Amino acid sequence: MADPNEFDHVMPDLGAAPQDHSVTEVEENLAARILFSFLIWIMMSFASTIIGFLAILQGIVMLTSGKKPNKRIAGFGTDIGIWFAKSTRYITADSETKPWPWTELD
């Protein structure tokens, strides 16, 4: 079973303490937020394609190396996954923090 606190170091506001997920008003200009959300949604579509290519590439690497995965591919996949999670939180208004490229990539 996955560790529910696996990404706490990159998403500290999702820490182990229970959170109140009450709906609050968005502080950002709504038109700007919709534009950013649309751009992020397009970037997420590209990221999904990249994840698919990484999965195929990692499968080929593991077939040719005796089941040993490439650490760089795995790490890059993890980075994309973390970015994807942050992007999802922003476009669904669970977070006010924009993902990369507006903030640092963790």
PDB file of N, CA and C in Angstrom:
ATOM      1  N   MET A   1       0.848  -1.182   0.000  1.00  0.00           N
ATOM      2  CA  MET A   1       0.000   0.000   0.000  1.00  0.00           C
ATOM      3  C   MET A   1       0.888   1.238   0.000  1.00  0.00           C
ATOM      4  N   ALA A   2       0.483   2.254  -0.719  1.00  0.00           N
ATOM      5  CA  ALA A   2       1.254   3.489  -0.837  1.00  0.00           C
ATOM      6  C   ALA A   2       1.248   4.259   0.481  1.00  0.00           C
ATOM      7  N   ASP A   3       2.348   4.964   0.708  1.00  0.00           N
ATOM      8  CA  ASP A   3       2.470   5.797   1.886  1.00  0.00           C
ATOM      9  C   ASP A   3       1.690   7.093   1.645  1.00  0.00           C
ATOM     10  N   PRO A   4       0.681   7.401   2.461  1.00  0.00           N
ATOM     11  CA  PRO A   4      -0.122   8.603   2.223  1.00  0.00           C
ATOM     12  C   PRO A   4       0.659   9.893   2.428  1.00  0.00           C
ATOM     13  N   ASN A   5       1.807   9.838   3.081  1.00  0.00           N
ATOM     14  CA  ASN A   5       2.616  11.022   3.331  1.00  0.00           C
ATOM     15  C   ASN A   5       3.861  11.069   2.457  1.00  0.00           C
ATOM     16  N   GLU A   6       3.854  10.305   1.375  1.00  0.00           N
ATOM     17  CA  GLU A   6       5.037  10.171   0.526  1.00  0.00           C
ATOM     18  C   GLU A   6       5.518  11.505  -0.040  1.00  0.00           C
ATOM     19  N   PHE A   7       4.607  12.410  -0.350  1.00  0.00           N
ATOM     20  CA  PHE A   7       4.987  13.661  -0.988  1.00  0.00           C
ATOM     21  C   PHE A   7       4.885  14.865  -0.065  1.00  0.00           C
ATOM     22  N   ASP A   8       4.861  14.646   1.229  1.00  0.00           N
ATOM     23  CA  ASP A   8       4.748  15.751   2.176  1.00  0.00           C
ATOM     24  C   ASP A   8       5.901  16.737   2.053  1.00  0.00           C
ATOM     25  N   HIS A   9       7.090  16.271   1.659  1.00  0.00           N
ATOM     26  CA  HIS A   9       8.240  17.161   1.566  1.00  0.00           C
ATOM     27  C   HIS A   9       8.116  18.150   0.408  1.00  0.00           C
ATOM     28  N   VAL A  10       7.328  17.849  -0.605  1.00  0.00           N
ATOM     29  CA  VAL A  10       7.150  18.765  -1.723  1.00  0.00           C
ATOM     30  C   VAL A  10       5.794  19.451  -1.702  1.00  0.00           C
ATOM     31  N   MET A  11       4.874  18.942  -0.922  1.00  0.00           N
ATOM     32  CA  MET A  11       3.558  19.542  -0.789  1.00  0.00           C
ATOM     33  C   MET A  11       3.216  19.649   0.696  1.00  0.00           C
ATOM     34  N   PRO A  12       3.971  20.499   1.421  1.00  0.00           N
ATOM     35  CA  PRO A  12       3.821  20.532   2.880  1.00  0.00           C
ATOM     36  C   PRO A  12       2.438  20.918   3.357  1.00  0.00           C
ATOM     37  N   ASP A  13       1.658  21.624   2.543  1.00  0.00           N
ATOM     38  CA  ASP A  13       0.318  21.992   2.991  1.00  0.00           C
ATOM     39  C   ASP A  13      -0.639  20.808   2.963  1.00  0.00           C
ATOM     40  N   LEU A  14      -0.149  19.639   2.536  1.00  0.00           N
ATOM     41  CA  LEU A  14      -0.945  18.413   2.576  1.00  0.00           C
ATOM     42  C   LEU A  14      -0.466  17.493   3.694  1.00  0.00           C
ATOM     43  N   GLY A  15       0.141  18.064   4.720  1.00  0.00           N
ATOM     44  CA  GLY A  15       0.720  17.281   5.803  1.00  0.00           C
ATOM     45  C   GLY A  15      -0.246  16.305   6.440  1.00  0.00           C
ATOM     46  N   ALA A  16       0.254  15.562   7.404  1.00  0.00           N
ATOM     47  CA  ALA A  16      -0.508  14.485   8.020  1.00  0.00           C
ATOM     48  C   ALA A  16      -1.721  14.986   8.813  1.00  0.00           C
ATOM     49  N   ALA A  17      -1.686  16.250   9.243  1.00  0.00           N
ATOM     50  CA  ALA A  17      -2.803  16.773  10.034  1.00  0.00           C
ATOM     51  C   ALA A  17      -4.048  16.912   9.169  1.00  0.00           C
ATOM     52  N   PRO A  18      -5.193  16.557   9.697  1.00  0.00           N
ATOM     53  CA  PRO A  18      -6.428  16.709   8.928  1.00  0.00           C
ATOM     54  C   PRO A  18      -6.652  18.170   8.569  1.00  0.00           C
ATOM     55  N   GLN A  19      -7.167  18.391   7.378  1.00  0.00           N
ATOM     56  CA  GLN A  19      -7.392  19.751   6.929  1.00  0.00           C
ATOM     57  C   GLN A  19      -8.868  20.026   6.779  1.00  0.00           C
ATOM     58  N   ASP A  20      -9.203  21.284   6.965  1.00  0.00           N
ATOM     59  CA  ASP A  20     -10.560  21.732   6.720  1.00  0.00           C
ATOM     60  C   ASP A  20     -10.632  22.132   5.249  1.00  0.00           C
ATOM     61  N   HIS A  21     -11.362  21.370   4.451  1.00  0.00           N
ATOM     62  CA  HIS A  21     -11.476  21.665   3.035  1.00  0.00           C
ATOM     63  C   HIS A  21     -12.722  22.487   2.749  1.00  0.00           C
ATOM     64  N   SER A  22     -12.939  23.501   3.584  1.00  0.00           N
ATOM     65  CA  SER A  22     -14.073  24.371   3.325  1.00  0.00           C
ATOM     66  C   SER A  22     -13.760  25.228   2.098  1.00  0.00           C
ATOM     67  N   VAL A  23     -14.774  25.547   1.367  1.00  0.00           N
ATOM     68  CA  VAL A  23     -14.616  26.317   0.142  1.00  0.00           C
ATOM     69  C   VAL A  23     -14.409  27.782   0.501  1.00  0.00           C
ATOM     70  N   THR A  24     -13.338  28.362  -0.051  1.00  0.00           N
ATOM     71  CA  THR A  24     -13.069  29.777   0.172  1.00  0.00           C
ATOM     72  C   THR A  24     -13.020  30.482  -1.171  1.00  0.00           C
ATOM     73  N   GLU A  25     -13.228  31.764  -1.141  1.00  0.00           N
ATOM     74  CA  GLU A  25     -13.226  32.555  -2.369  1.00  0.00           C
ATOM     75  C   GLU A  25     -11.803  32.652  -2.918  1.00  0.00           C
ATOM     76  N   VAL A  26     -11.668  32.545  -4.227  1.00  0.00           N
ATOM     77  CA  VAL A  26     -10.373  32.654  -4.888  1.00  0.00           C
ATOM     78  C   VAL A  26      -9.921  34.104  -4.824  1.00  0.00           C
ATOM     79  N   GLU A  27      -8.656  34.321  -4.424  1.00  0.00           N
ATOM     80  CA  GLU A  27      -8.133  35.674  -4.277  1.00  0.00           C
ATOM     81  C   GLU A  27      -7.671  36.274  -5.599  1.00  0.00           C
ATOM     82  N   GLU A  28      -7.283  35.443  -6.535  1.00  0.00           N
ATOM     83  CA  GLU A  28      -6.749  35.875  -7.821  1.00  0.00           C
ATOM     84  C   GLU A  28      -7.869  36.388  -8.735  1.00  0.00           C
ATOM     85  N   ASN A  29      -7.510  37.272  -9.668  1.00  0.00           N
ATOM     86  CA  ASN A  29      -8.441  37.737 -10.686  1.00  0.00           C
ATOM     87  C   ASN A  29      -8.998  36.529 -11.412  1.00  0.00           C
ATOM     88  N   LEU A  30     -10.306  36.409 -11.490  1.00  0.00           N
ATOM     89  CA  LEU A  30     -10.944  35.219 -12.049  1.00  0.00           C
ATOM     90  C   LEU A  30     -10.604  35.008 -13.524  1.00  0.00           C
ATOM     91  N   ALA A  31     -10.557  36.071 -14.315  1.00  0.00           N
ATOM     92  CA  ALA A  31     -10.216  35.933 -15.730  1.00  0.00           C
ATOM     93  C   ALA A  31      -8.788  35.408 -15.888  1.00  0.00           C
ATOM     94  N   ALA A  32      -7.861  35.919 -15.079  1.00  0.00           N
ATOM     95  CA  ALA A  32      -6.469  35.452 -15.135  1.00  0.00           C
ATOM     96  C   ALA A  32      -6.392  33.995 -14.704  1.00  0.00           C
ATOM     97  N   ARG A  33      -7.137  33.646 -13.669  1.00  0.00           N
ATOM     98  CA  ARG A  33      -7.110  32.262 -13.195  1.00  0.00           C
ATOM     99  C   ARG A  33      -7.646  31.307 -14.260  1.00  0.00           C
ATOM    100  N   ILE A  34      -8.704  31.691 -14.948  1.00  0.00           N
ATOM    101  CA  ILE A  34      -9.249  30.846 -16.008  1.00  0.00           C
ATOM    102  C   ILE A  34      -8.222  30.690 -17.133  1.00  0.00           C
ATOM    103  N   LEU A  35      -7.552  31.774 -17.497  1.00  0.00           N
ATOM    104  CA  LEU A  35      -6.518  31.704 -18.536  1.00  0.00           C
ATOM    105  C   LEU A  35      -5.370  30.787 -18.100  1.00  0.00           C
ATOM    106  N   PHE A  36      -4.878  30.971 -16.879  1.00  0.00           N
ATOM    107  CA  PHE A  36      -3.803  30.118 -16.372  1.00  0.00           C
ATOM    108  C   PHE A  36      -4.249  28.655 -16.311  1.00  0.00           C
ATOM    109  N   SER A  37      -5.462  28.428 -15.859  1.00  0.00           N
ATOM    110  CA  SER A  37      -5.976  27.060 -15.773  1.00  0.00           C
ATOM    111  C   SER A  37      -6.044  26.418 -17.154  1.00  0.00           C
ATOM    112  N   PHE A  38      -6.452  27.171 -18.161  1.00  0.00           N
ATOM    113  CA  PHE A  38      -6.506  26.651 -19.521  1.00  0.00           C
ATOM    114  C   PHE A  38      -5.106  26.313 -20.027  1.00  0.00           C
ATOM    115  N   LEU A  39      -4.140  27.192 -19.789  1.00  0.00           N
ATOM    116  CA  LEU A  39      -2.751  26.927 -20.201  1.00  0.00           C
ATOM    117  C   LEU A  39      -2.187  25.702 -19.485  1.00  0.00           C
ATOM    118  N   ILE A  40      -2.461  25.593 -18.192  1.00  0.00           N
ATOM    119  CA  ILE A  40      -1.977  24.445 -17.419  1.00  0.00           C
ATOM    120  C   ILE A  40      -2.631  23.160 -17.916  1.00  0.00           C
ATOM    121  N   TRP A  41      -3.914  23.222 -18.254  1.00  0.00           N
ATOM    122  CA  TRP A  41      -4.612  22.052 -18.785  1.00  0.00           C
ATOM    123  C   TRP A  41      -3.949  21.567 -20.069  1.00  0.00           C
ATOM    124  N   ILE A  42      -3.567  22.493 -20.956  1.00  0.00           N
ATOM    125  CA  ILE A  42      -2.854  22.124 -22.188  1.00  0.00           C
ATOM    126  C   ILE A  42      -1.506  21.491 -21.844  1.00  0.00           C
ATOM    127  N   MET A  43      -0.785  22.081 -20.885  1.00  0.00           N
ATOM    128  CA  MET A  43       0.504  21.526 -20.466  1.00  0.00           C
ATOM    129  C   MET A  43       0.327  20.128 -19.872  1.00  0.00           C
ATOM    130  N   MET A  44      -0.774  19.916 -19.152  1.00  0.00           N
ATOM    131  CA  MET A  44      -1.038  18.599 -18.574  1.00  0.00           C
ATOM    132  C   MET A  44      -1.284  17.561 -19.660  1.00  0.00           C
ATOM    133  N   SER A  45      -1.891  17.976 -20.758  1.00  0.00           N
ATOM    134  CA  SER A  45      -2.099  17.059 -21.878  1.00  0.00           C
ATOM    135  C   SER A  45      -0.755  16.615 -22.455  1.00  0.00           C
ATOM    136  N   PHE A  46       0.161  17.566 -22.618  1.00  0.00           N
ATOM    137  CA  PHE A  46       1.507  17.218 -23.086  1.00  0.00           C
ATOM    138  C   PHE A  46       2.215  16.317 -22.075  1.00  0.00           C
ATOM    139  N   ALA A  47       2.051  16.624 -20.782  1.00  0.00           N
ATOM    140  CA  ALA A  47       2.697  15.827 -19.742  1.00  0.00           C
ATOM    141  C   ALA A  47       2.196  14.388 -19.765  1.00  0.00           C
ATOM    142  N   SER A  48       0.918  14.196 -20.036  1.00  0.00           N
ATOM    143  CA  SER A  48       0.371  12.835 -20.123  1.00  0.00           C
ATOM    144  C   SER A  48       1.035  12.055 -21.256  1.00  0.00           C
ATOM    145  N   THR A  49       1.262  12.724 -22.366  1.00  0.00           N
ATOM    146  CA  THR A  49       1.952  12.085 -23.491  1.00  0.00           C
ATOM    147  C   THR A  49       3.385  11.724 -23.112  1.00  0.00           C
ATOM    148  N   ILE A  50       4.052  12.639 -22.443  1.00  0.00           N
ATOM    149  CA  ILE A  50       5.436  12.387 -22.018  1.00  0.00           C
ATOM    150  C   ILE A  50       5.486  11.203 -21.053  1.00  0.00           C
ATOM    151  N   ILE A  51       4.531  11.129 -20.133  1.00  0.00           N
ATOM    152  CA  ILE A  51       4.491  10.002 -19.188  1.00  0.00           C
ATOM    153  C   ILE A  51       4.321   8.686 -19.942  1.00  0.00           C
ATOM    154  N   GLY A  52       3.489   8.671 -20.965  1.00  0.00           N
ATOM    155  CA  GLY A  52       3.324   7.473 -21.778  1.00  0.00           C
ATOM    156  C   GLY A  52       4.625   7.060 -22.450  1.00  0.00           C
ATOM    157  N   PHE A  53       5.334   8.021 -23.036  1.00  0.00           N
ATOM    158  CA  PHE A  53       6.622   7.719 -23.659  1.00  0.00           C
ATOM    159  C   PHE A  53       7.635   7.221 -22.630  1.00  0.00           C
ATOM    160  N   LEU A  54       7.644   7.838 -21.445  1.00  0.00           N
ATOM    161  CA  LEU A  54       8.561   7.397 -20.394  1.00  0.00           C
ATOM    162  C   LEU A  54       8.262   5.959 -19.969  1.00  0.00           C
ATOM    163  N   ALA A  55       6.984   5.630 -19.883  1.00  0.00           N
ATOM    164  CA  ALA A  55       6.604   4.265 -19.493  1.00  0.00           C
ATOM    165  C   ALA A  55       7.090   3.254 -20.527  1.00  0.00           C
ATOM    166  N   ILE A  56       6.908   3.576 -21.798  1.00  0.00           N
ATOM    167  CA  ILE A  56       7.380   2.678 -22.864  1.00  0.00           C
ATOM    168  C   ILE A  56       8.900   2.578 -22.836  1.00  0.00           C
ATOM    169  N   LEU A  57       9.570   3.717 -22.713  1.00  0.00           N
ATOM    170  CA  LEU A  57      11.036   3.722 -22.668  1.00  0.00           C
ATOM    171  C   LEU A  57      11.558   2.934 -21.469  1.00  0.00           C
ATOM    172  N   GLN A  58      10.947   3.126 -20.308  1.00  0.00           N
ATOM    173  CA  GLN A  58      11.379   2.393 -19.111  1.00  0.00           C
ATOM    174  C   GLN A  58      11.145   0.894 -19.285  1.00  0.00           C
ATOM    175  N   GLY A  59      10.051   0.522 -19.925  1.00  0.00           N
ATOM    176  CA  GLY A  59       9.794  -0.893 -20.196  1.00  0.00           C
ATOM    177  C   GLY A  59      10.876  -1.496 -21.082  1.00  0.00           C
ATOM    178  N   ILE A  60      11.270  -0.762 -22.113  1.00  0.00           N
ATOM    179  CA  ILE A  60      12.342  -1.235 -23.006  1.00  0.00           C
ATOM    180  C   ILE A  60      13.650  -1.351 -22.249  1.00  0.00           C
ATOM    181  N   VAL A  61      13.957  -0.345 -21.426  1.00  0.00           N
ATOM    182  CA  VAL A  61      15.190  -0.381 -20.632  1.00  0.00           C
ATOM    183  C   VAL A  61      15.192  -1.598 -19.717  1.00  0.00           C
ATOM    184  N   MET A  62      14.072  -1.863 -19.061  1.00  0.00           N
ATOM    185  CA  MET A  62      14.014  -2.998 -18.134  1.00  0.00           C
ATOM    186  C   MET A  62      14.096  -4.334 -18.872  1.00  0.00           C
ATOM    187  N   LEU A  63      13.545  -4.398 -20.080  1.00  0.00           N
ATOM    188  CA  LEU A  63      13.656  -5.626 -20.871  1.00  0.00           C
ATOM    189  C   LEU A  63      15.095  -5.904 -21.294  1.00  0.00           C
ATOM    190  N   THR A  64      15.828  -4.850 -21.576  1.00  0.00           N
ATOM    191  CA  THR A  64      17.200  -5.022 -22.075  1.00  0.00           C
ATOM    192  C   THR A  64      18.256  -5.047 -20.978  1.00  0.00           C
ATOM    193  N   SER A  65      17.905  -4.645 -19.769  1.00  0.00           N
ATOM    194  CA  SER A  65      18.904  -4.583 -18.701  1.00  0.00           C
ATOM    195  C   SER A  65      18.647  -5.591 -17.583  1.00  0.00           C
ATOM    196  N   GLY A  66      17.857  -6.582 -17.829  1.00  0.00           N
ATOM    197  CA  GLY A  66      17.598  -7.581 -16.799  1.00  0.00           C
ATOM    198  C   GLY A  66      16.740  -7.070 -15.669  1.00  0.00           C
ATOM    199  N   LYS A  67      15.646  -6.378 -15.987  1.00  0.00           N
ATOM    200  CA  LYS A  67      14.659  -5.877 -15.022  1.00  0.00           C
ATOM    201  C   LYS A  67      15.151  -4.706 -14.175  1.00  0.00           C
ATOM    202  N   LYS A  68      16.274  -4.097 -14.549  1.00  0.00           N
ATOM    203  CA  LYS A  68      16.799  -2.971 -13.769  1.00  0.00           C
ATOM    204  C   LYS A  68      16.320  -1.658 -14.385  1.00  0.00           C
ATOM    205  N   PRO A  69      15.489  -0.877 -13.657  1.00  0.00           N
ATOM    206  CA  PRO A  69      14.980   0.380 -14.217  1.00  0.00           C
ATOM    207  C   PRO A  69      16.057   1.463 -14.242  1.00  0.00           C
ATOM    208  N   ASN A  70      15.879   2.409 -15.144  1.00  0.00           N
ATOM    209  CA  ASN A  70      16.775   3.556 -15.242  1.00  0.00           C
ATOM    210  C   ASN A  70      16.347   4.580 -14.195  1.00  0.00           C
ATOM    211  N   LYS A  71      17.270   4.986 -13.334  1.00  0.00           N
ATOM    212  CA  LYS A  71      16.938   5.910 -12.240  1.00  0.00           C
ATOM    213  C   LYS A  71      16.582   7.293 -12.746  1.00  0.00           C
ATOM    214  N   ARG A  72      17.218   7.741 -13.835  1.00  0.00           N
ATOM    215  CA  ARG A  72      16.917   9.070 -14.363  1.00  0.00           C
ATOM    216  C   ARG A  72      15.503   9.130 -14.934  1.00  0.00           C
ATOM    217  N   ILE A  73      15.097   8.081 -15.626  1.00  0.00           N
ATOM    218  CA  ILE A  73      13.736   8.037 -16.161  1.00  0.00           C
ATOM    219  C   ILE A  73      12.731   7.993 -15.013  1.00  0.00           C
ATOM    220  N   ALA A  74      13.022   7.170 -14.011  1.00  0.00           N
ATOM    221  CA  ALA A  74      12.120   7.063 -12.854  1.00  0.00           C
ATOM    222  C   ALA A  74      12.018   8.397 -12.116  1.00  0.00           C
ATOM    223  N   GLY A  75      13.149   9.068 -11.924  1.00  0.00           N
ATOM    224  CA  GLY A  75      13.151  10.361 -11.239  1.00  0.00           C
ATOM    225  C   GLY A  75      12.396  11.425 -12.013  1.00  0.00           C
ATOM    226  N   PHE A  76      12.588  11.435 -13.333  1.00  0.00           N
ATOM    227  CA  PHE A  76      11.875  12.393 -14.174  1.00  0.00           C
ATOM    228  C   PHE A  76      10.373  12.126 -14.116  1.00  0.00           C
ATOM    229  N   GLY A  77       9.999  10.856 -14.113  1.00  0.00           N
ATOM    230  CA  GLY A  77       8.580  10.497 -13.986  1.00  0.00           C
ATOM    231  C   GLY A  77       7.995  10.976 -12.664  1.00  0.00           C
ATOM    232  N   THR A  78       8.762  10.861 -11.602  1.00  0.00           N
ATOM    233  CA  THR A  78       8.319  11.340 -10.293  1.00  0.00           C
ATOM    234  C   THR A  78       8.137  12.850 -10.306  1.00  0.00           C
ATOM    235  N   ASP A  79       9.098  13.569 -10.918  1.00  0.00           N
ATOM    236  CA  ASP A  79       8.992  15.031 -11.013  1.00  0.00           C
ATOM    237  C   ASP A  79       7.735  15.444 -11.779  1.00  0.00           C
ATOM    238  N   ILE A  80       7.464  14.755 -12.887  1.00  0.00           N
ATOM    239  CA  ILE A  80       6.260  15.068 -13.662  1.00  0.00           C
ATOM    240  C   ILE A  80       5.007  14.770 -12.838  1.00  0.00           C
ATOM    241  N   GLY A  81       5.032  13.671 -12.087  1.00  0.00           N
ATOM    242  CA  GLY A  81       3.891  13.313 -11.248  1.00  0.00           C
ATOM    243  C   GLY A  81       3.609  14.354 -10.179  1.00  0.00           C
ATOM    244  N   ILE A  82       4.648  14.871  -9.549  1.00  0.00           N
ATOM    245  CA  ILE A  82       4.488  15.899  -8.525  1.00  0.00           C
ATOM    246  C   ILE A  82       3.948  17.176  -9.160  1.00  0.00           C
ATOM    247  N   TRP A  83       4.519  17.540 -10.320  1.00  0.00           N
ATOM    248  CA  TRP A  83       4.025  18.720 -11.036  1.00  0.00           C
ATOM    249  C   TRP A  83       2.560  18.539 -11.417  1.00  0.00           C
ATOM    250  N   PHE A  84       2.209  17.347 -11.886  1.00  0.00           N
ATOM    251  CA  PHE A  84       0.830  17.051 -12.284  1.00  0.00           C
ATOM    252  C   PHE A  84      -0.114  17.221 -11.094  1.00  0.00           C
ATOM    253  N   ALA A  85       0.306  16.743  -9.935  1.00  0.00           N
ATOM    254  CA  ALA A  85      -0.531  16.875  -8.729  1.00  0.00           C
ATOM    255  C   ALA A  85      -0.721  18.342  -8.351  1.00  0.00           C
ATOM    256  N   LYS A  86       0.358  19.123  -8.399  1.00  0.00           N
ATOM    257  CA  LYS A  86       0.252  20.548  -8.077  1.00  0.00           C
ATOM    258  C   LYS A  86      -0.632  21.270  -9.088  1.00  0.00           C
ATOM    259  N   SER A  87      -0.499  20.890 -10.352  1.00  0.00           N
ATOM    260  CA  SER A  87      -1.320  21.497 -11.407  1.00  0.00           C
ATOM    261  C   SER A  87      -2.794  21.190 -11.190  1.00  0.00           C
ATOM    262  N   THR A  88      -3.082  19.955 -10.846  1.00  0.00           N
ATOM    263  CA  THR A  88      -4.462  19.551 -10.587  1.00  0.00           C
ATOM    264  C   THR A  88      -5.045  20.335  -9.422  1.00  0.00           C
ATOM    265  N   ARG A  89      -4.259  20.496  -8.382  1.00  0.00           N
ATOM    266  CA  ARG A  89      -4.739  21.258  -7.224  1.00  0.00           C
ATOM    267  C   ARG A  89      -5.041  22.700  -7.599  1.00  0.00           C
ATOM    268  N   TYR A  90      -4.192  23.292  -8.470  1.00  0.00           N
ATOM    269  CA  TYR A  90      -4.432  24.688  -8.869  1.00  0.00           C
ATOM    270  C   TYR A  90      -5.679  24.810  -9.741  1.00  0.00           C
ATOM    271  N   ILE A  91      -5.799  23.975 -10.772  1.00  0.00           N
ATOM    272  CA  ILE A  91      -6.920  24.158 -11.697  1.00  0.00           C
ATOM    273  C   ILE A  91      -8.263  23.758 -11.089  1.00  0.00           C
ATOM    274  N   THR A  92      -8.231  22.970 -10.027  1.00  0.00           N
ATOM    275  CA  THR A  92      -9.483  22.636  -9.337  1.00  0.00           C
ATOM    276  C   THR A  92      -9.735  23.542  -8.135  1.00  0.00           C
ATOM    277  N   ALA A  93      -8.915  24.593  -7.995  1.00  0.00           N
ATOM    278  CA  ALA A  93      -9.044  25.616  -6.945  1.00  0.00           C
ATOM    279  C   ALA A  93      -8.837  25.072  -5.541  1.00  0.00           C
ATOM    280  N   ASP A  94      -8.033  24.015  -5.409  1.00  0.00           N
ATOM    281  CA  ASP A  94      -7.678  23.526  -4.077  1.00  0.00           C
ATOM    282  C   ASP A  94      -6.431  24.235  -3.564  1.00  0.00           C
ATOM    283  N   SER A  95      -5.739  24.949  -4.451  1.00  0.00           N
ATOM    284  CA  SER A  95      -4.527  25.666  -4.085  1.00  0.00           C
ATOM    285  C   SER A  95      -4.470  26.977  -4.849  1.00  0.00           C
ATOM    286  N   GLU A  96      -3.878  27.979  -4.241  1.00  0.00           N
ATOM    287  CA  GLU A  96      -3.669  29.272  -4.892  1.00  0.00           C
ATOM    288  C   GLU A  96      -2.293  29.338  -5.556  1.00  0.00           C
ATOM    289  N   THR A  97      -1.457  28.338  -5.326  1.00  0.00           N
ATOM    290  CA  THR A  97      -0.092  28.337  -5.844  1.00  0.00           C
ATOM    291  C   THR A  97      -0.051  27.745  -7.243  1.00  0.00           C
ATOM    292  N   LYS A  98       0.430  28.549  -8.185  1.00  0.00           N
ATOM    293  CA  LYS A  98       0.554  28.061  -9.555  1.00  0.00           C
ATOM    294  C   LYS A  98       1.757  27.113  -9.631  1.00  0.00           C
ATOM    295  N   PRO A  99       1.661  26.091 -10.469  1.00  0.00           N
ATOM    296  CA  PRO A  99       2.796  25.174 -10.628  1.00  0.00           C
ATOM    297  C   PRO A  99       3.866  25.784 -11.534  1.00  0.00           C
ATOM    298  N   TRP A 100       4.958  25.020 -11.751  1.00  0.00           N
ATOM    299  CA  TRP A 100       5.972  25.452 -12.693  1.00  0.00           C
ATOM    300  C   TRP A 100       5.308  25.723 -14.026  1.00  0.00           C
ATOM    301  N   PRO A 101       5.624  26.729 -14.752  1.00  0.00           N
ATOM    302  CA  PRO A 101       6.797  27.587 -14.740  1.00  0.00           C
ATOM    303  C   PRO A 101       6.632  28.869 -13.935  1.00  0.00           C
ATOM    304  N   TRP A 102       5.508  29.030 -13.231  1.00  0.00           N
ATOM    305  CA  TRP A 102       5.313  30.242 -12.440  1.00  0.00           C
ATOM    306  C   TRP A 102       5.994  30.153 -11.083  1.00  0.00           C
ATOM    307  N   THR A 103       6.257  28.969 -10.616  1.00  0.00           N
ATOM    308  CA  THR A 103       6.983  28.762  -9.364  1.00  0.00           C
ATOM    309  C   THR A 103       8.104  27.766  -9.623  1.00  0.00           C
ATOM    310  N   GLU A 104       8.953  27.575  -8.645  1.00  0.00           N
ATOM    311  CA  GLU A 104      10.065  26.641  -8.784  1.00  0.00           C
ATOM    312  C   GLU A 104       9.568  25.212  -8.933  1.00  0.00           C
ATOM    313  N   LEU A 105      10.273  24.431  -9.722  1.00  0.00           N
ATOM    314  CA  LEU A 105       9.973  23.015  -9.846  1.00  0.00           C
ATOM    315  C   LEU A 105      10.712  22.309  -8.718  1.00  0.00           C
ATOM    316  N   ASP A 106       9.971  21.628  -7.859  1.00  0.00           N
ATOM    317  CA  ASP A 106      10.588  20.988  -6.677  1.00  0.00           C
ATOM    318  C   ASP A 106      11.436  19.827  -7.085  1.00  0.00           C
TER     319      ASP A 106
END
